[in-house]
Amino acid sequence: MLVFFTFSGICVAFGQKSAETISLDSLGKSTYLNDSLPKKEKPSVRLFPNPARNKVEIEIKGFEPGIIQVQIINNTGKLLREDRRIVFVGNEIIVLMFSIEPGIYLLTLKQDKKQARAKLIVQ
């Protein structure tokens, strides 16, 4: 938006960029802060209940809508289970049923270049 003022034949224009905001620092000087790009959330995963018996709810954040690969890996690095799940929003809860021996496992979620991991304890 431009606003023109004329005083004694001199034309002055004031404008503001649409993607920036003006703030005042501690000395009263104005600074421009660029906030036009949304912050991308880092992929994360949270399990509950943990320790689990035969079912776990996986709360995911920071993924894109689409297909997510869910893997359960034991402590020797062997892949015990691999599922593909559809995610509609990217921040939601996935329910995973399993029947594996008690122990400590690594749960990995992958989507393109995004990846998140969590430790799964089975009783």
N, C-alpha and C. Protein backbone atom coordinates (compact mmCIF):
# COMPACT_ATOMS: atom_id res chain seq x y z
N MET A 1 0.84 -1.15 0.00
CA MET A 1 0.00 0.00 0.00
C MET A 1 0.90 1.23 0.00
N LEU A 2 0.64 2.14 -0.89
CA LEU A 2 1.42 3.36 -0.98
C LEU A 2 0.51 4.54 -0.65
N VAL A 3 1.04 5.48 0.09
CA VAL A 3 0.31 6.70 0.43
C VAL A 3 1.18 7.87 0.01
N PHE A 4 0.60 8.80 -0.76
CA PHE A 4 1.34 9.95 -1.25
C PHE A 4 0.91 11.19 -0.48
N PHE A 5 1.90 11.98 -0.08
CA PHE A 5 1.66 13.27 0.56
C PHE A 5 2.40 14.34 -0.23
N THR A 6 1.78 15.45 -0.41
CA THR A 6 2.47 16.55 -1.09
C THR A 6 2.43 17.79 -0.21
N PHE A 7 3.59 18.35 -0.01
CA PHE A 7 3.74 19.61 0.72
C PHE A 7 4.62 20.51 -0.12
N SER A 8 4.10 21.59 -0.48
CA SER A 8 4.79 22.59 -1.30
C SER A 8 5.38 21.99 -2.58
N GLY A 9 4.63 21.09 -3.22
CA GLY A 9 5.05 20.55 -4.51
C GLY A 9 6.00 19.37 -4.43
N ILE A 10 6.37 18.91 -3.24
CA ILE A 10 7.28 17.76 -3.10
C ILE A 10 6.42 16.53 -2.82
N CYS A 11 6.65 15.49 -3.58
CA CYS A 11 5.86 14.26 -3.44
C CYS A 11 6.67 13.23 -2.65
N VAL A 12 6.08 12.68 -1.60
CA VAL A 12 6.74 11.68 -0.76
C VAL A 12 5.83 10.46 -0.70
N ALA A 13 6.40 9.27 -0.80
CA ALA A 13 5.60 8.04 -0.74
C ALA A 13 6.07 7.19 0.44
N PHE A 14 5.11 6.67 1.19
CA PHE A 14 5.40 5.75 2.28
C PHE A 14 4.76 4.42 1.93
N GLY A 15 5.47 3.35 2.08
CA GLY A 15 4.94 2.02 1.78
C GLY A 15 5.44 1.01 2.78
N GLN A 16 4.71 -0.09 2.88
CA GLN A 16 5.10 -1.16 3.78
C GLN A 16 5.10 -2.46 3.00
N LYS A 17 6.13 -3.24 3.18
CA LYS A 17 6.18 -4.53 2.53
C LYS A 17 5.17 -5.45 3.21
N SER A 18 4.47 -6.26 2.44
CA SER A 18 3.38 -7.07 2.98
C SER A 18 3.87 -8.23 3.85
N ALA A 19 5.06 -8.76 3.61
CA ALA A 19 5.53 -9.93 4.33
C ALA A 19 6.42 -9.59 5.52
N GLU A 20 6.56 -8.34 5.84
CA GLU A 20 7.43 -7.96 6.94
C GLU A 20 6.66 -7.14 7.97
N THR A 21 7.12 -7.19 9.19
CA THR A 21 6.54 -6.37 10.24
C THR A 21 7.62 -5.49 10.83
N ILE A 22 7.22 -4.38 11.40
CA ILE A 22 8.16 -3.44 11.99
C ILE A 22 8.08 -3.57 13.50
N SER A 23 9.23 -3.65 14.15
CA SER A 23 9.26 -3.67 15.61
C SER A 23 10.31 -2.68 16.10
N LEU A 24 10.20 -2.27 17.34
CA LEU A 24 11.15 -1.34 17.92
C LEU A 24 12.07 -2.08 18.86
N ASP A 25 13.38 -1.82 18.71
CA ASP A 25 14.32 -2.44 19.64
C ASP A 25 14.42 -1.60 20.90
N SER A 26 15.34 -1.96 21.79
CA SER A 26 15.44 -1.27 23.09
C SER A 26 15.84 0.20 22.96
N LEU A 27 16.46 0.59 21.84
CA LEU A 27 16.86 1.98 21.64
C LEU A 27 15.82 2.79 20.88
N GLY A 28 14.71 2.15 20.52
CA GLY A 28 13.66 2.86 19.81
C GLY A 28 13.84 2.88 18.31
N LYS A 29 14.84 2.16 17.78
CA LYS A 29 15.05 2.09 16.34
C LYS A 29 14.15 1.00 15.76
N SER A 30 13.63 1.28 14.58
CA SER A 30 12.75 0.27 13.96
C SER A 30 13.58 -0.77 13.24
N THR A 31 13.14 -2.01 13.33
CA THR A 31 13.78 -3.12 12.63
C THR A 31 12.70 -3.90 11.91
N TYR A 32 13.09 -4.58 10.84
CA TYR A 32 12.15 -5.38 10.07
C TYR A 32 12.35 -6.86 10.39
N LEU A 33 11.26 -7.54 10.67
CA LEU A 33 11.30 -8.96 10.95
C LEU A 33 10.54 -9.69 9.85
N ASN A 34 11.19 -10.64 9.19
CA ASN A 34 10.53 -11.38 8.11
C ASN A 34 9.84 -12.59 8.70
N ASP A 35 8.49 -12.63 8.59
CA ASP A 35 7.73 -13.74 9.14
C ASP A 35 6.79 -14.35 8.10
N SER A 36 7.16 -14.25 6.83
CA SER A 36 6.26 -14.72 5.78
C SER A 36 6.30 -16.23 5.60
N LEU A 37 7.39 -16.89 5.96
CA LEU A 37 7.50 -18.33 5.77
C LEU A 37 7.07 -19.06 7.04
N PRO A 38 6.20 -20.06 6.91
CA PRO A 38 5.81 -20.81 8.10
C PRO A 38 6.97 -21.67 8.58
N LYS A 39 7.09 -21.82 9.89
CA LYS A 39 8.15 -22.64 10.45
C LYS A 39 7.79 -24.11 10.27
N LYS A 40 8.73 -24.89 9.77
CA LYS A 40 8.49 -26.31 9.58
C LYS A 40 8.78 -27.03 10.89
N GLU A 41 7.86 -27.88 11.26
CA GLU A 41 7.98 -28.61 12.51
C GLU A 41 8.87 -29.83 12.29
N LYS A 42 9.79 -30.05 13.20
CA LYS A 42 10.67 -31.19 13.14
C LYS A 42 9.86 -32.45 13.44
N PRO A 43 10.03 -33.53 12.66
CA PRO A 43 9.28 -34.75 12.91
C PRO A 43 9.58 -35.31 14.30
N SER A 44 8.52 -35.70 15.01
CA SER A 44 8.69 -36.29 16.34
C SER A 44 7.66 -37.39 16.54
N VAL A 45 7.96 -38.26 17.49
CA VAL A 45 7.08 -39.38 17.80
C VAL A 45 7.03 -39.56 19.31
N ARG A 46 5.85 -39.90 19.82
CA ARG A 46 5.66 -40.17 21.24
C ARG A 46 4.79 -41.41 21.37
N LEU A 47 5.19 -42.33 22.23
CA LEU A 47 4.48 -43.60 22.41
C LEU A 47 3.76 -43.62 23.74
N PHE A 48 2.54 -44.18 23.76
CA PHE A 48 1.87 -44.42 25.02
C PHE A 48 0.88 -45.57 24.82
N PRO A 49 0.73 -46.47 25.76
CA PRO A 49 1.55 -46.57 26.96
C PRO A 49 2.93 -47.13 26.60
N ASN A 50 3.89 -46.78 27.37
CA ASN A 50 5.25 -47.30 27.18
C ASN A 50 5.85 -47.49 28.56
N PRO A 51 5.95 -48.67 29.07
CA PRO A 51 5.93 -49.98 28.42
C PRO A 51 4.54 -50.43 28.00
N ALA A 52 4.52 -51.21 26.92
CA ALA A 52 3.27 -51.70 26.34
C ALA A 52 3.23 -53.22 26.39
N ARG A 53 2.06 -53.78 26.13
CA ARG A 53 1.92 -55.24 26.07
C ARG A 53 1.75 -55.71 24.62
N ASN A 54 0.64 -55.36 24.00
CA ASN A 54 0.41 -55.79 22.61
C ASN A 54 -0.17 -54.68 21.74
N LYS A 55 -0.27 -53.48 22.30
CA LYS A 55 -0.83 -52.35 21.56
C LYS A 55 -0.15 -51.08 22.02
N VAL A 56 0.15 -50.21 21.06
CA VAL A 56 0.75 -48.92 21.38
C VAL A 56 0.10 -47.86 20.50
N GLU A 57 -0.10 -46.68 21.06
CA GLU A 57 -0.58 -45.53 20.30
C GLU A 57 0.62 -44.64 20.01
N ILE A 58 0.77 -44.29 18.76
CA ILE A 58 1.92 -43.52 18.30
C ILE A 58 1.43 -42.12 17.93
N GLU A 59 1.85 -41.13 18.70
CA GLU A 59 1.50 -39.75 18.39
C GLU A 59 2.62 -39.16 17.53
N ILE A 60 2.27 -38.76 16.31
CA ILE A 60 3.27 -38.22 15.40
C ILE A 60 3.00 -36.74 15.16
N LYS A 61 4.09 -36.00 14.95
CA LYS A 61 4.02 -34.58 14.62
C LYS A 61 5.09 -34.27 13.60
N GLY A 62 4.81 -33.31 12.73
CA GLY A 62 5.80 -32.83 11.78
C GLY A 62 5.90 -33.61 10.49
N PHE A 63 4.99 -34.54 10.24
CA PHE A 63 4.99 -35.28 8.98
C PHE A 63 4.00 -34.65 8.01
N GLU A 64 4.12 -35.00 6.75
CA GLU A 64 3.23 -34.52 5.71
C GLU A 64 2.11 -35.54 5.49
N PRO A 65 0.96 -35.11 4.98
CA PRO A 65 -0.07 -36.08 4.62
C PRO A 65 0.46 -37.04 3.56
N GLY A 66 0.16 -38.32 3.71
CA GLY A 66 0.65 -39.33 2.77
C GLY A 66 0.90 -40.63 3.49
N ILE A 67 1.83 -41.41 2.98
CA ILE A 67 2.14 -42.73 3.54
C ILE A 67 3.37 -42.64 4.43
N ILE A 68 3.27 -43.27 5.61
CA ILE A 68 4.38 -43.35 6.56
C ILE A 68 4.75 -44.81 6.75
N GLN A 69 6.02 -45.08 6.76
CA GLN A 69 6.52 -46.43 6.98
C GLN A 69 6.84 -46.59 8.47
N VAL A 70 6.24 -47.59 9.11
CA VAL A 70 6.45 -47.85 10.54
C VAL A 70 7.23 -49.15 10.67
N GLN A 71 8.36 -49.12 11.38
CA GLN A 71 9.21 -50.30 11.55
C GLN A 71 9.46 -50.56 13.03
N ILE A 72 9.47 -51.85 13.39
CA ILE A 72 9.89 -52.27 14.73
C ILE A 72 11.16 -53.08 14.54
N ILE A 73 12.23 -52.64 15.21
CA ILE A 73 13.56 -53.25 15.08
C ILE A 73 14.02 -53.71 16.45
N ASN A 74 14.57 -54.93 16.54
CA ASN A 74 15.04 -55.42 17.85
C ASN A 74 16.44 -54.90 18.14
N ASN A 75 17.01 -55.30 19.29
CA ASN A 75 18.29 -54.75 19.73
C ASN A 75 19.48 -55.25 18.90
N THR A 76 19.30 -56.28 18.06
CA THR A 76 20.38 -56.73 17.19
C THR A 76 20.30 -56.09 15.80
N GLY A 77 19.27 -55.28 15.57
CA GLY A 77 19.11 -54.60 14.29
C GLY A 77 18.23 -55.34 13.31
N LYS A 78 17.61 -56.43 13.74
CA LYS A 78 16.73 -57.21 12.86
C LYS A 78 15.36 -56.55 12.77
N LEU A 79 14.86 -56.41 11.56
CA LEU A 79 13.55 -55.84 11.32
C LEU A 79 12.49 -56.90 11.64
N LEU A 80 11.68 -56.64 12.66
CA LEU A 80 10.65 -57.59 13.07
C LEU A 80 9.31 -57.32 12.39
N ARG A 81 9.00 -56.06 12.15
CA ARG A 81 7.72 -55.72 11.55
C ARG A 81 7.85 -54.42 10.78
N GLU A 82 7.14 -54.39 9.65
CA GLU A 82 7.13 -53.18 8.84
C GLU A 82 5.71 -52.97 8.31
N ASP A 83 5.15 -51.81 8.57
CA ASP A 83 3.80 -51.44 8.13
C ASP A 83 3.87 -50.14 7.35
N ARG A 84 2.89 -49.94 6.51
CA ARG A 84 2.70 -48.65 5.84
C ARG A 84 1.34 -48.13 6.28
N ARG A 85 1.31 -46.91 6.76
CA ARG A 85 0.09 -46.29 7.24
C ARG A 85 -0.16 -45.00 6.50
N ILE A 86 -1.43 -44.69 6.29
CA ILE A 86 -1.81 -43.44 5.64
C ILE A 86 -2.02 -42.37 6.70
N VAL A 87 -1.42 -41.22 6.49
CA VAL A 87 -1.55 -40.09 7.39
C VAL A 87 -2.31 -39.00 6.64
N PHE A 88 -3.37 -38.49 7.24
CA PHE A 88 -4.20 -37.50 6.56
C PHE A 88 -3.80 -36.06 6.86
N VAL A 89 -3.32 -35.80 8.07
CA VAL A 89 -2.99 -34.43 8.47
C VAL A 89 -1.49 -34.26 8.66
N GLY A 90 -0.82 -35.25 9.20
CA GLY A 90 0.61 -35.15 9.52
C GLY A 90 0.86 -35.06 11.01
N ASN A 91 -0.14 -34.64 11.77
CA ASN A 91 -0.08 -34.59 13.23
C ASN A 91 -1.28 -35.38 13.74
N GLU A 92 -1.06 -36.65 14.04
CA GLU A 92 -2.18 -37.49 14.47
C GLU A 92 -1.69 -38.69 15.26
N ILE A 93 -2.61 -39.58 15.62
CA ILE A 93 -2.28 -40.76 16.41
C ILE A 93 -2.53 -42.01 15.58
N ILE A 94 -1.54 -42.89 15.56
CA ILE A 94 -1.62 -44.17 14.85
C ILE A 94 -1.66 -45.27 15.92
N VAL A 95 -2.58 -46.21 15.79
CA VAL A 95 -2.66 -47.34 16.71
C VAL A 95 -1.98 -48.53 16.05
N LEU A 96 -1.05 -49.16 16.78
CA LEU A 96 -0.29 -50.29 16.25
C LEU A 96 -0.47 -51.48 17.17
N MET A 97 -0.97 -52.59 16.63
CA MET A 97 -1.13 -53.84 17.37
C MET A 97 0.03 -54.75 16.99
N PHE A 98 0.55 -55.52 17.95
CA PHE A 98 1.67 -56.41 17.68
C PHE A 98 1.66 -57.56 18.69
N SER A 99 2.39 -58.60 18.39
CA SER A 99 2.61 -59.70 19.33
C SER A 99 4.08 -60.10 19.22
N ILE A 100 4.89 -59.44 20.01
CA ILE A 100 6.32 -59.72 20.03
C ILE A 100 6.75 -60.00 21.46
N GLU A 101 7.89 -60.64 21.60
CA GLU A 101 8.43 -61.02 22.91
C GLU A 101 8.74 -59.78 23.74
N PRO A 102 8.65 -59.87 25.06
CA PRO A 102 9.05 -58.75 25.92
C PRO A 102 10.50 -58.35 25.68
N GLY A 103 10.75 -57.05 25.71
CA GLY A 103 12.10 -56.55 25.48
C GLY A 103 12.07 -55.09 25.09
N ILE A 104 13.22 -54.60 24.67
CA ILE A 104 13.37 -53.20 24.25
C ILE A 104 13.57 -53.19 22.74
N TYR A 105 12.77 -52.36 22.07
CA TYR A 105 12.79 -52.28 20.61
C TYR A 105 12.90 -50.82 20.17
N LEU A 106 13.25 -50.65 18.92
CA LEU A 106 13.33 -49.32 18.32
C LEU A 106 12.18 -49.20 17.32
N LEU A 107 11.36 -48.19 17.50
CA LEU A 107 10.26 -47.91 16.58
C LEU A 107 10.70 -46.76 15.69
N THR A 108 10.70 -46.97 14.39
CA THR A 108 11.15 -45.96 13.43
C THR A 108 10.01 -45.61 12.49
N LEU A 109 9.81 -44.32 12.28
CA LEU A 109 8.82 -43.82 11.32
C LEU A 109 9.56 -43.08 10.23
N LYS A 110 9.27 -43.42 8.96
CA LYS A 110 9.95 -42.79 7.83
C LYS A 110 8.93 -42.29 6.82
N GLN A 111 9.25 -41.13 6.26
CA GLN A 111 8.45 -40.56 5.17
C GLN A 111 9.38 -39.71 4.32
N ASP A 112 9.65 -40.15 3.11
CA ASP A 112 10.60 -39.49 2.23
C ASP A 112 11.92 -39.26 2.97
N LYS A 113 12.30 -38.01 3.20
CA LYS A 113 13.55 -37.71 3.90
C LYS A 113 13.35 -37.49 5.39
N LYS A 114 12.10 -37.50 5.86
CA LYS A 114 11.82 -37.29 7.28
C LYS A 114 11.86 -38.61 8.01
N GLN A 115 12.37 -38.56 9.26
CA GLN A 115 12.48 -39.77 10.05
C GLN A 115 12.40 -39.41 11.53
N ALA A 116 11.72 -40.26 12.31
CA ALA A 116 11.64 -40.09 13.75
C ALA A 116 11.74 -41.46 14.39
N ARG A 117 12.36 -41.51 15.58
CA ARG A 117 12.57 -42.78 16.28
C ARG A 117 12.16 -42.65 17.74
N ALA A 118 11.77 -43.79 18.31
CA ALA A 118 11.44 -43.85 19.72
C ALA A 118 11.74 -45.23 20.24
N LYS A 119 12.05 -45.32 21.53
CA LYS A 119 12.31 -46.59 22.17
C LYS A 119 10.98 -47.18 22.65
N LEU A 120 10.71 -48.43 22.26
CA LEU A 120 9.48 -49.13 22.65
C LEU A 120 9.86 -50.25 23.60
N ILE A 121 9.24 -50.25 24.77
CA ILE A 121 9.46 -51.28 25.78
C ILE A 121 8.22 -52.17 25.81
N VAL A 122 8.42 -53.47 25.59
CA VAL A 122 7.30 -54.42 25.60
C VAL A 122 7.45 -55.30 26.83
N GLN A 123 6.33 -55.41 27.60
CA GLN A 123 6.34 -56.23 28.84
C GLN A 123 5.89 -57.63 28.53
